[in-house]
C-alpha atoms as a PDB file:
ATOM      1  CA  UNK A   1     -39.950  47.131 -41.717  1.00  0.00           C
ATOM      2  CA  UNK A   2     -42.654  46.691 -44.356  1.00  0.00           C
ATOM      3  CA  UNK A   3     -43.475  50.393 -44.368  1.00  0.00           C
ATOM      4  CA  UNK A   4     -39.819  51.301 -44.866  1.00  0.00           C
ATOM      5  CA  UNK A   5     -39.500  48.720 -47.640  1.00  0.00           C
ATOM      6  CA  UNK A   6     -42.512  50.020 -49.578  1.00  0.00           C
ATOM      7  CA  UNK A   7     -41.470  53.621 -49.047  1.00  0.00           C
ATOM      8  CA  UNK A   8     -38.002  52.936 -50.449  1.00  0.00           C
ATOM      9  CA  UNK A   9     -39.219  50.810 -53.368  1.00  0.00           C
ATOM     10  CA  UNK A  10     -41.852  53.335 -54.463  1.00  0.00           C
ATOM     11  CA  UNK A  11     -40.535  55.601 -57.243  1.00  0.00           C
ATOM     12  CA  UNK A  12     -38.998  58.788 -55.844  1.00  0.00           C
ATOM     13  CA  UNK A  13     -41.521  60.927 -57.716  1.00  0.00           C
ATOM     14  CA  UNK A  14     -44.409  59.258 -55.817  1.00  0.00           C
ATOM     15  CA  UNK A  15     -43.073  58.207 -52.424  1.00  0.00           C
ATOM     16  CA  UNK A  16     -43.429  61.656 -50.859  1.00  0.00           C
ATOM     17  CA  UNK A  17     -46.997  62.004 -52.140  1.00  0.00           C
ATOM     18  CA  UNK A  18     -48.306  58.676 -50.806  1.00  0.00           C
ATOM     19  CA  UNK A  19     -50.173  57.908 -47.647  1.00  0.00           C
ATOM     20  CA  UNK A  20     -49.660  54.484 -46.125  1.00  0.00           C
ATOM     21  CA  UNK A  21     -52.273  52.595 -44.129  1.00  0.00           C
ATOM     22  CA  UNK A  22     -52.711  48.969 -43.131  1.00  0.00           C
ATOM     23  CA  UNK A  23     -56.145  47.378 -43.315  1.00  0.00           C
ATOM     24  CA  UNK A  24     -58.097  48.118 -40.149  1.00  0.00           C
ATOM     25  CA  UNK A  25     -59.537  44.968 -38.560  1.00  0.00           C
ATOM     26  CA  UNK A  26     -62.217  45.540 -35.925  1.00  0.00           C
ATOM     27  CA  UNK A  27     -61.560  42.512 -33.755  1.00  0.00           C
ATOM     28  CA  UNK A  28     -60.816  44.106 -30.391  1.00  0.00           C
ATOM     29  CA  UNK A  29     -63.002  42.440 -27.775  1.00  0.00           C
ATOM     30  CA  UNK A  30     -64.620  40.519 -30.617  1.00  0.00           C
ATOM     31  CA  UNK A  31     -66.049  37.741 -28.464  1.00  0.00           C
ATOM     32  CA  UNK A  32     -67.616  40.222 -26.038  1.00  0.00           C
ATOM     33  CA  UNK A  33     -69.320  42.268 -28.775  1.00  0.00           C
ATOM     34  CA  UNK A  34     -73.064  41.938 -29.372  1.00  0.00           C
ATOM     35  CA  UNK A  35     -73.911  39.745 -32.356  1.00  0.00           C
ATOM     36  CA  UNK A  36     -74.908  42.638 -34.650  1.00  0.00           C
ATOM     37  CA  UNK A  37     -71.662  44.461 -33.877  1.00  0.00           C
ATOM     38  CA  UNK A  38     -69.705  41.267 -34.567  1.00  0.00           C
ATOM     39  CA  UNK A  39     -71.376  40.923 -37.952  1.00  0.00           C
ATOM     40  CA  UNK A  40     -70.682  44.541 -38.873  1.00  0.00           C
ATOM     41  CA  UNK A  41     -67.080  44.135 -37.680  1.00  0.00           C
ATOM     42  CA  UNK A  42     -66.677  41.120 -39.929  1.00  0.00           C
ATOM     43  CA  UNK A  43     -68.072  42.952 -42.974  1.00  0.00           C
ATOM     44  CA  UNK A  44     -65.938  46.034 -42.282  1.00  0.00           C
ATOM     45  CA  UNK A  45     -62.838  43.842 -42.062  1.00  0.00           C
ATOM     46  CA  UNK A  46     -63.731  42.014 -45.282  1.00  0.00           C
ATOM     47  CA  UNK A  47     -64.196  45.364 -46.988  1.00  0.00           C
ATOM     48  CA  UNK A  48     -60.795  46.554 -45.763  1.00  0.00           C
ATOM     49  CA  UNK A  49     -59.097  43.380 -46.962  1.00  0.00           C
ATOM     50  CA  UNK A  50     -60.836  43.470 -50.341  1.00  0.00           C
ATOM     51  CA  UNK A  51     -59.522  47.001 -50.909  1.00  0.00           C
ATOM     52  CA  UNK A  52     -56.010  45.553 -50.849  1.00  0.00           C
ATOM     53  CA  UNK A  53     -56.798  43.541 -53.978  1.00  0.00           C
ATOM     54  CA  UNK A  54     -58.047  46.540 -55.970  1.00  0.00           C
ATOM     55  CA  UNK A  55     -55.148  48.567 -57.411  1.00  0.00           C
ATOM     56  CA  UNK A  56     -57.551  51.392 -58.374  1.00  0.00           C
ATOM     57  CA  UNK A  57     -59.030  51.799 -54.910  1.00  0.00           C
ATOM     58  CA  UNK A  58     -58.876  55.295 -53.455  1.00  0.00           C
ATOM     59  CA  UNK A  59     -59.018  54.540 -49.763  1.00  0.00           C
ATOM     60  CA  UNK A  60     -59.680  57.364 -47.292  1.00  0.00           C
ATOM     61  CA  UNK A  61     -57.234  57.228 -44.395  1.00  0.00           C
ATOM     62  CA  UNK A  62     -58.529  56.728 -40.919  1.00  0.00           C
ATOM     63  CA  UNK A  63     -57.285  55.659 -37.535  1.00  0.00           C
ATOM     64  CA  UNK A  64     -53.700  54.557 -38.237  1.00  0.00           C
ATOM     65  CA  UNK A  65     -51.762  55.872 -41.194  1.00  0.00           C
ATOM     66  CA  UNK A  66     -48.319  57.178 -42.105  1.00  0.00           C
ATOM     67  CA  UNK A  67     -47.190  59.990 -44.358  1.00  0.00           C
ATOM     68  CA  UNK A  68     -43.793  61.478 -45.038  1.00  0.00           C
ATOM     69  CA  UNK A  69     -42.701  64.562 -43.151  1.00  0.00           C
ATOM     70  CA  UNK A  70     -42.272  66.283 -46.518  1.00  0.00           C
ATOM     71  CA  UNK A  71     -45.961  65.737 -47.355  1.00  0.00           C
ATOM     72  CA  UNK A  72     -47.141  66.798 -43.892  1.00  0.00           C
ATOM     73  CA  UNK A  73     -45.058  69.979 -44.134  1.00  0.00           C
ATOM     74  CA  UNK A  74     -46.252  70.728 -47.675  1.00  0.00           C
ATOM     75  CA  UNK A  75     -49.915  70.749 -46.600  1.00  0.00           C
ATOM     76  CA  UNK A  76     -49.348  72.691 -43.381  1.00  0.00           C
ATOM     77  CA  UNK A  77     -49.330  69.762 -40.957  1.00  0.00           C
ATOM     78  CA  UNK A  78     -52.226  68.508 -38.869  1.00  0.00           C
ATOM     79  CA  UNK A  79     -55.031  70.823 -37.801  1.00  0.00           C
ATOM     80  CA  UNK A  80     -55.908  70.445 -34.101  1.00  0.00           C
ATOM     81  CA  UNK A  81     -59.328  72.059 -34.697  1.00  0.00           C
ATOM     82  CA  UNK A  82     -60.673  69.087 -36.659  1.00  0.00           C
ATOM     83  CA  UNK A  83     -61.987  66.098 -34.749  1.00  0.00           C
ATOM     84  CA  UNK A  84     -61.712  63.761 -37.737  1.00  0.00           C
ATOM     85  CA  UNK A  85     -58.114  64.759 -38.446  1.00  0.00           C
ATOM     86  CA  UNK A  86     -57.458  61.632 -40.489  1.00  0.00           C
ATOM     87  CA  UNK A  87     -60.139  62.454 -43.079  1.00  0.00           C
ATOM     88  CA  UNK A  88     -59.184  66.106 -43.002  1.00  0.00           C
ATOM     89  CA  UNK A  89     -55.531  65.270 -43.642  1.00  0.00           C
ATOM     90  CA  UNK A  90     -56.566  62.978 -46.499  1.00  0.00           C
ATOM     91  CA  UNK A  91     -58.515  65.853 -48.091  1.00  0.00           C
ATOM     92  CA  UNK A  92     -55.532  68.187 -47.694  1.00  0.00           C
ATOM     93  CA  UNK A  93     -53.103  65.733 -49.272  1.00  0.00           C
END
């Protein structure tokens, strides 16, 4: 619902050019992670959350993101030959 809301409230000239991504929080199996991994997970999550507060942040998409079908079609869709397709798609868009 939030994605649909922000898509519809973004100006029409920009909504088809945007990529949408929630902050990625690395808390899966958090209590079973080694201490150093827990610390790095905490800092990565804090970094993700701090990017939400910066309106000038240019965040590279990874893992889970959404784009409009119009944007995906305009750049030729996803390339199955690239392992890091999320970064590759960001560079194409």
